[in-house]
PDB file of all heavy atoms in Angstrom:
ATOM      1  N   LYS A   1       0.829  -1.196   0.000  1.00  0.00           N
ATOM      2  CA  LYS A   1       0.000   0.000   0.000  1.00  0.00           C
ATOM      3  C   LYS A   1       0.867   1.251   0.000  1.00  0.00           C
ATOM      4  O   LYS A   1       0.618   2.201  -0.773  1.00  0.00           O
ATOM      5  CB  LYS A   1      -0.913  -0.018   1.235  1.00  0.00           C
ATOM      6  CG  LYS A   1      -1.671   1.279   1.498  1.00  0.00           C
ATOM      7  CD  LYS A   1      -2.699   1.582   0.432  1.00  0.00           C
ATOM      8  CE  LYS A   1      -3.528   2.800   0.823  1.00  0.00           C
ATOM      9  NZ  LYS A   1      -4.479   3.191  -0.237  1.00  0.00           N
ATOM     10  N   HIS A   2       1.887   1.275   0.853  1.00  0.00           N
ATOM     11  CA  HIS A   2       2.718   2.475   0.980  1.00  0.00           C
ATOM     12  C   HIS A   2       3.587   2.700  -0.257  1.00  0.00           C
ATOM     13  O   HIS A   2       3.699   3.836  -0.738  1.00  0.00           O
ATOM     14  CB  HIS A   2       3.620   2.358   2.215  1.00  0.00           C
ATOM     15  CG  HIS A   2       4.536   3.525   2.395  1.00  0.00           C
ATOM     16  ND1 HIS A   2       4.088   4.773   2.769  1.00  0.00           N
ATOM     17  CD2 HIS A   2       5.892   3.645   2.231  1.00  0.00           C
ATOM     18  CE1 HIS A   2       5.113   5.610   2.837  1.00  0.00           C
ATOM     19  NE2 HIS A   2       6.214   4.950   2.509  1.00  0.00           N
ATOM     20  N   HIS A   3       4.183   1.635  -0.775  1.00  0.00           N
ATOM     21  CA  HIS A   3       5.146   1.798  -1.867  1.00  0.00           C
ATOM     22  C   HIS A   3       4.501   1.807  -3.256  1.00  0.00           C
ATOM     23  O   HIS A   3       5.016   2.460  -4.166  1.00  0.00           O
ATOM     24  CB  HIS A   3       6.197   0.692  -1.800  1.00  0.00           C
ATOM     25  CG  HIS A   3       7.165   0.847  -0.671  1.00  0.00           C
ATOM     26  ND1 HIS A   3       8.309   1.603  -0.753  1.00  0.00           N
ATOM     27  CD2 HIS A   3       7.145   0.348   0.592  1.00  0.00           C
ATOM     28  CE1 HIS A   3       8.959   1.565   0.394  1.00  0.00           C
ATOM     29  NE2 HIS A   3       8.278   0.810   1.227  1.00  0.00           N
ATOM     30  N   LEU A   4       3.404   1.052  -3.415  1.00  0.00           N
ATOM     31  CA  LEU A   4       2.843   0.896  -4.753  1.00  0.00           C
ATOM     32  C   LEU A   4       1.374   1.290  -4.847  1.00  0.00           C
ATOM     33  O   LEU A   4       0.800   1.251  -5.934  1.00  0.00           O
ATOM     34  CB  LEU A   4       3.004  -0.566  -5.211  1.00  0.00           C
ATOM     35  CG  LEU A   4       4.443  -1.091  -5.265  1.00  0.00           C
ATOM     36  CD1 LEU A   4       4.444  -2.567  -5.618  1.00  0.00           C
ATOM     37  CD2 LEU A   4       5.260  -0.309  -6.279  1.00  0.00           C
ATOM     38  N   GLY A   5       0.774   1.651  -3.725  1.00  0.00           N
ATOM     39  CA  GLY A   5      -0.630   2.033  -3.753  1.00  0.00           C
ATOM     40  C   GLY A   5      -1.576   0.863  -3.943  1.00  0.00           C
ATOM     41  O   GLY A   5      -2.749   1.053  -4.275  1.00  0.00           O
ATOM     42  N   ILE A   6      -1.068  -0.352  -3.739  1.00  0.00           N
ATOM     43  CA  ILE A   6      -1.886  -1.551  -3.929  1.00  0.00           C
ATOM     44  C   ILE A   6      -2.790  -1.766  -2.717  1.00  0.00           C
ATOM     45  O   ILE A   6      -2.334  -1.702  -1.575  1.00  0.00           O
ATOM     46  CB  ILE A   6      -0.997  -2.787  -4.148  1.00  0.00           C
ATOM     47  CG1 ILE A   6      -0.208  -2.634  -5.456  1.00  0.00           C
ATOM     48  CG2 ILE A   6      -1.828  -4.064  -4.185  1.00  0.00           C
ATOM     49  CD1 ILE A   6       0.823  -3.724  -5.684  1.00  0.00           C
ATOM     50  N   GLU A   7      -4.062  -2.023  -2.969  1.00  0.00           N
ATOM     51  CA  GLU A   7      -5.010  -2.336  -1.908  1.00  0.00           C
ATOM     52  C   GLU A   7      -5.553  -3.743  -2.157  1.00  0.00           C
ATOM     53  O   GLU A   7      -6.602  -3.935  -2.775  1.00  0.00           O
ATOM     54  CB  GLU A   7      -6.131  -1.301  -1.863  1.00  0.00           C
ATOM     55  CG  GLU A   7      -5.635   0.104  -1.524  1.00  0.00           C
ATOM     56  CD  GLU A   7      -6.755   1.119  -1.415  1.00  0.00           C
ATOM     57  OE1 GLU A   7      -7.897   0.790  -1.817  1.00  0.00           O
ATOM     58  OE2 GLU A   7      -6.496   2.239  -0.925  1.00  0.00           O
ATOM     59  N   MET A   8      -4.839  -4.739  -1.675  1.00  0.00           N
ATOM     60  CA  MET A   8      -5.183  -6.129  -1.938  1.00  0.00           C
ATOM     61  C   MET A   8      -6.432  -6.555  -1.173  1.00  0.00           C
ATOM     62  O   MET A   8      -6.624  -6.194  -0.013  1.00  0.00           O
ATOM     63  CB  MET A   8      -4.014  -7.046  -1.585  1.00  0.00           C
ATOM     64  CG  MET A   8      -2.764  -6.854  -2.423  1.00  0.00           C
ATOM     65  SD  MET A   8      -1.486  -8.100  -2.078  1.00  0.00           S
ATOM     66  CE  MET A   8      -1.029  -7.666  -0.376  1.00  0.00           C
ATOM     67  N   THR A   9      -7.261  -7.337  -1.834  1.00  0.00           N
ATOM     68  CA  THR A   9      -8.429  -7.964  -1.216  1.00  0.00           C
ATOM     69  C   THR A   9      -8.368  -9.464  -1.496  1.00  0.00           C
ATOM     70  O   THR A   9      -7.473  -9.936  -2.198  1.00  0.00           O
ATOM     71  CB  THR A   9      -9.741  -7.379  -1.764  1.00  0.00           C
ATOM     72  OG1 THR A   9      -9.754  -7.531  -3.194  1.00  0.00           O
ATOM     73  CG2 THR A   9      -9.875  -5.901  -1.426  1.00  0.00           C
ATOM     74  N   ASN A  10      -9.348 -10.193  -0.956  1.00  0.00           N
ATOM     75  CA  ASN A  10      -9.390 -11.650  -1.129  1.00  0.00           C
ATOM     76  C   ASN A  10      -8.093 -12.282  -0.609  1.00  0.00           C
ATOM     77  O   ASN A  10      -7.457 -13.084  -1.292  1.00  0.00           O
ATOM     78  CB  ASN A  10      -9.622 -12.018  -2.594  1.00  0.00           C
ATOM     79  CG  ASN A  10     -10.168 -13.423  -2.767  1.00  0.00           C
ATOM     80  OD1 ASN A  10     -10.344 -14.164  -1.793  1.00  0.00           O
ATOM     81  ND2 ASN A  10     -10.419 -13.808  -4.003  1.00  0.00           N
ATOM     82  N   LEU A  11      -7.731 -11.904   0.612  1.00  0.00           N
ATOM     83  CA  LEU A  11      -6.494 -12.371   1.227  1.00  0.00           C
ATOM     84  C   LEU A  11      -6.731 -13.671   1.994  1.00  0.00           C
ATOM     85  O   LEU A  11      -7.730 -13.811   2.701  1.00  0.00           O
ATOM     86  CB  LEU A  11      -5.932 -11.316   2.174  1.00  0.00           C
ATOM     87  CG  LEU A  11      -5.671  -9.935   1.576  1.00  0.00           C
ATOM     88  CD1 LEU A  11      -5.108  -9.001   2.647  1.00  0.00           C
ATOM     89  CD2 LEU A  11      -4.734 -10.020   0.389  1.00  0.00           C
ATOM     90  N   LYS A  12      -5.799 -14.608   1.869  1.00  0.00           N
ATOM     91  CA  LYS A  12      -5.837 -15.879   2.583  1.00  0.00           C
ATOM     92  C   LYS A  12      -4.562 -15.982   3.428  1.00  0.00           C
ATOM     93  O   LYS A  12      -3.522 -16.425   2.955  1.00  0.00           O
ATOM     94  CB  LYS A  12      -5.930 -17.051   1.608  1.00  0.00           C
ATOM     95  CG  LYS A  12      -7.068 -16.939   0.589  1.00  0.00           C
ATOM     96  CD  LYS A  12      -8.434 -16.960   1.243  1.00  0.00           C
ATOM     97  CE  LYS A  12      -9.551 -16.888   0.203  1.00  0.00           C
ATOM     98  NZ  LYS A  12     -10.891 -16.868   0.814  1.00  0.00           N
ATOM     99  N   ASP A  13      -4.674 -15.531   4.670  1.00  0.00           N
ATOM    100  CA  ASP A  13      -3.523 -15.454   5.556  1.00  0.00           C
ATOM    101  C   ASP A  13      -3.495 -16.677   6.467  1.00  0.00           C
ATOM    102  O   ASP A  13      -4.361 -16.836   7.337  1.00  0.00           O
ATOM    103  CB  ASP A  13      -3.601 -14.172   6.383  1.00  0.00           C
ATOM    104  CG  ASP A  13      -2.319 -13.872   7.144  1.00  0.00           C
ATOM    105  OD1 ASP A  13      -1.640 -14.824   7.574  1.00  0.00           O
ATOM    106  OD2 ASP A  13      -1.994 -12.683   7.316  1.00  0.00           O
ATOM    107  N   SER A  14      -2.508 -17.539   6.290  1.00  0.00           N
ATOM    108  CA  SER A  14      -2.417 -18.768   7.084  1.00  0.00           C
ATOM    109  C   SER A  14      -2.203 -18.480   8.565  1.00  0.00           C
ATOM    110  O   SER A  14      -2.629 -19.270   9.417  1.00  0.00           O
ATOM    111  CB  SER A  14      -1.288 -19.662   6.553  1.00  0.00           C
ATOM    112  OG  SER A  14      -1.600 -20.147   5.267  1.00  0.00           O
ATOM    113  N   MET A  15      -1.545 -17.388   8.897  1.00  0.00           N
ATOM    114  CA  MET A  15      -1.325 -17.044  10.295  1.00  0.00           C
ATOM    115  C   MET A  15      -2.645 -16.684  10.969  1.00  0.00           C
ATOM    116  O   MET A  15      -2.945 -17.165  12.073  1.00  0.00           O
ATOM    117  CB  MET A  15      -0.343 -15.881  10.419  1.00  0.00           C
ATOM    118  CG  MET A  15       0.009 -15.539  11.855  1.00  0.00           C
ATOM    119  SD  MET A  15       1.166 -14.146  11.984  1.00  0.00           S
ATOM    120  CE  MET A  15       0.055 -12.772  11.633  1.00  0.00           C
ATOM    121  N   ILE A  16      -3.454 -15.861  10.306  1.00  0.00           N
ATOM    122  CA  ILE A  16      -4.752 -15.484  10.850  1.00  0.00           C
ATOM    123  C   ILE A  16      -5.654 -16.717  10.945  1.00  0.00           C
ATOM    124  O   ILE A  16      -6.376 -16.907  11.935  1.00  0.00           O
ATOM    125  CB  ILE A  16      -5.420 -14.403   9.998  1.00  0.00           C
ATOM    126  CG1 ILE A  16      -4.558 -13.140   9.953  1.00  0.00           C
ATOM    127  CG2 ILE A  16      -6.812 -14.087  10.523  1.00  0.00           C
ATOM    128  CD1 ILE A  16      -4.310 -12.509  11.298  1.00  0.00           C
ATOM    129  N   ALA A  17      -5.613 -17.556   9.915  1.00  0.00           N
ATOM    130  CA  ALA A  17      -6.423 -18.774   9.926  1.00  0.00           C
ATOM    131  C   ALA A  17      -6.063 -19.657  11.108  1.00  0.00           C
ATOM    132  O   ALA A  17      -6.942 -20.212  11.778  1.00  0.00           O
ATOM    133  CB  ALA A  17      -6.234 -19.538   8.617  1.00  0.00           C
ATOM    134  N   GLU A  18      -4.781 -19.776  11.391  1.00  0.00           N
ATOM    135  CA  GLU A  18      -4.337 -20.615  12.511  1.00  0.00           C
ATOM    136  C   GLU A  18      -4.790 -20.038  13.842  1.00  0.00           C
ATOM    137  O   GLU A  18      -5.200 -20.782  14.746  1.00  0.00           O
ATOM    138  CB  GLU A  18      -2.812 -20.753  12.471  1.00  0.00           C
ATOM    139  CG  GLU A  18      -2.248 -21.775  13.443  1.00  0.00           C
ATOM    140  CD  GLU A  18      -2.582 -23.204  13.072  1.00  0.00           C
ATOM    141  OE1 GLU A  18      -3.122 -23.451  11.968  1.00  0.00           O
ATOM    142  OE2 GLU A  18      -2.309 -24.105  13.900  1.00  0.00           O
ATOM    143  N   MET A  19      -4.721 -18.729  13.970  1.00  0.00           N
ATOM    144  CA  MET A  19      -5.186 -18.093  15.208  1.00  0.00           C
ATOM    145  C   MET A  19      -6.680 -18.342  15.430  1.00  0.00           C
ATOM    146  O   MET A  19      -7.116 -18.601  16.553  1.00  0.00           O
ATOM    147  CB  MET A  19      -4.913 -16.588  15.145  1.00  0.00           C
ATOM    148  CG  MET A  19      -3.454 -16.209  15.233  1.00  0.00           C
ATOM    149  SD  MET A  19      -3.242 -14.410  15.084  1.00  0.00           S
ATOM    150  CE  MET A  19      -1.467 -14.270  15.349  1.00  0.00           C
ATOM    151  N   ILE A  20      -7.449 -18.279  14.346  1.00  0.00           N
ATOM    152  CA  ILE A  20      -8.887 -18.518  14.457  1.00  0.00           C
ATOM    153  C   ILE A  20      -9.161 -19.981  14.788  1.00  0.00           C
ATOM    154  O   ILE A  20     -10.000 -20.306  15.636  1.00  0.00           O
ATOM    155  CB  ILE A  20      -9.595 -18.118  13.157  1.00  0.00           C
ATOM    156  CG1 ILE A  20      -9.490 -16.598  12.953  1.00  0.00           C
ATOM    157  CG2 ILE A  20     -11.059 -18.551  13.172  1.00  0.00           C
ATOM    158  CD1 ILE A  20     -10.000 -16.121  11.616  1.00  0.00           C
ATOM    159  N   LEU A  21      -8.450 -20.889  14.135  1.00  0.00           N
ATOM    160  CA  LEU A  21      -8.644 -22.311  14.382  1.00  0.00           C
ATOM    161  C   LEU A  21      -8.345 -22.684  15.827  1.00  0.00           C
ATOM    162  O   LEU A  21      -8.995 -23.560  16.409  1.00  0.00           O
ATOM    163  CB  LEU A  21      -7.760 -23.139  13.434  1.00  0.00           C
ATOM    164  CG  LEU A  21      -8.208 -23.201  11.973  1.00  0.00           C
ATOM    165  CD1 LEU A  21      -7.104 -23.809  11.101  1.00  0.00           C
ATOM    166  CD2 LEU A  21      -9.497 -24.007  11.832  1.00  0.00           C
ATOM    167  N   LYS A  22      -7.359 -22.026  16.408  1.00  0.00           N
ATOM    168  CA  LYS A  22      -6.969 -22.333  17.781  1.00  0.00           C
ATOM    169  C   LYS A  22      -7.624 -21.399  18.798  1.00  0.00           C
ATOM    170  O   LYS A  22      -7.418 -21.562  20.003  1.00  0.00           O
ATOM    171  CB  LYS A  22      -5.443 -22.253  17.919  1.00  0.00           C
ATOM    172  CG  LYS A  22      -4.705 -23.305  17.094  1.00  0.00           C
ATOM    173  CD  LYS A  22      -5.195 -24.695  17.439  1.00  0.00           C
ATOM    174  CE  LYS A  22      -4.580 -25.750  16.537  1.00  0.00           C
ATOM    175  NZ  LYS A  22      -5.130 -27.088  16.827  1.00  0.00           N
ATOM    176  N   CYS A  23      -8.395 -20.438  18.312  1.00  0.00           N
ATOM    177  CA  CYS A  23      -9.114 -19.498  19.192  1.00  0.00           C
ATOM    178  C   CYS A  23      -8.193 -18.853  20.224  1.00  0.00           C
ATOM    179  O   CYS A  23      -8.607 -18.581  21.362  1.00  0.00           O
ATOM    180  CB  CYS A  23     -10.261 -20.221  19.908  1.00  0.00           C
ATOM    181  SG  CYS A  23     -11.512 -20.865  18.798  1.00  0.00           S
ATOM    182  N   GLY A  24      -6.950 -18.649  19.854  1.00  0.00           N
ATOM    183  CA  GLY A  24      -6.015 -18.002  20.761  1.00  0.00           C
ATOM    184  C   GLY A  24      -5.582 -18.860  21.933  1.00  0.00           C
ATOM    185  O   GLY A  24      -4.987 -18.354  22.884  1.00  0.00           O
ATOM    186  N   LEU A  25      -5.841 -20.167  21.878  1.00  0.00           N
ATOM    187  CA  LEU A  25      -5.551 -21.035  23.018  1.00  0.00           C
ATOM    188  C   LEU A  25      -4.098 -21.491  23.077  1.00  0.00           C
ATOM    189  O   LEU A  25      -3.662 -22.018  24.089  1.00  0.00           O
ATOM    190  CB  LEU A  25      -6.464 -22.267  22.984  1.00  0.00           C
ATOM    191  CG  LEU A  25      -7.957 -21.977  23.158  1.00  0.00           C
ATOM    192  CD1 LEU A  25      -8.755 -23.267  23.077  1.00  0.00           C
ATOM    193  CD2 LEU A  25      -8.202 -21.291  24.502  1.00  0.00           C
ATOM    194  N   SER A  26      -3.374 -21.327  21.996  1.00  0.00           N
ATOM    195  CA  SER A  26      -1.969 -21.731  21.981  1.00  0.00           C
ATOM    196  C   SER A  26      -1.084 -20.506  22.163  1.00  0.00           C
ATOM    197  O   SER A  26      -1.130 -19.571  21.374  1.00  0.00           O
ATOM    198  CB  SER A  26      -1.627 -22.419  20.654  1.00  0.00           C
ATOM    199  OG  SER A  26      -0.260 -22.766  20.624  1.00  0.00           O
ATOM    200  N   PHE A  27      -0.296 -20.527  23.237  1.00  0.00           N
ATOM    201  CA  PHE A  27       0.544 -19.366  23.538  1.00  0.00           C
ATOM    202  C   PHE A  27       2.028 -19.673  23.335  1.00  0.00           C
ATOM    203  O   PHE A  27       2.872 -18.878  23.699  1.00  0.00           O
ATOM    204  CB  PHE A  27       0.301 -18.907  24.986  1.00  0.00           C
ATOM    205  CG  PHE A  27      -1.105 -18.441  25.231  1.00  0.00           C
ATOM    206  CD1 PHE A  27      -2.031 -19.281  25.817  1.00  0.00           C
ATOM    207  CD2 PHE A  27      -1.515 -17.174  24.843  1.00  0.00           C
ATOM    208  CE1 PHE A  27      -3.335 -18.860  26.042  1.00  0.00           C
ATOM    209  CE2 PHE A  27      -2.818 -16.753  25.064  1.00  0.00           C
ATOM    210  CZ  PHE A  27      -3.731 -17.594  25.663  1.00  0.00           C
ATOM    211  N   LYS A  28       2.326 -20.843  22.791  1.00  0.00           N
ATOM    212  CA  LYS A  28       3.717 -21.216  22.584  1.00  0.00           C
ATOM    213  C   LYS A  28       4.356 -20.257  21.588  1.00  0.00           C
ATOM    214  O   LYS A  28       3.809 -19.977  20.525  1.00  0.00           O
ATOM    215  CB  LYS A  28       3.809 -22.650  22.059  1.00  0.00           C
ATOM    216  CG  LYS A  28       5.233 -23.160  21.917  1.00  0.00           C
ATOM    217  CD  LYS A  28       5.237 -24.609  21.463  1.00  0.00           C
ATOM    218  CE  LYS A  28       6.665 -25.115  21.314  1.00  0.00           C
ATOM    219  NZ  LYS A  28       6.708 -26.519  20.851  1.00  0.00           N
TER     220      LYS A  28
END
């Protein structure tokens, strides 16, 4: 966004998906 003005949509973030799957229960 800052360098190229790109505003990406339809994002599939594995990190966010993992946090949702674990509901924040893993703190390792």
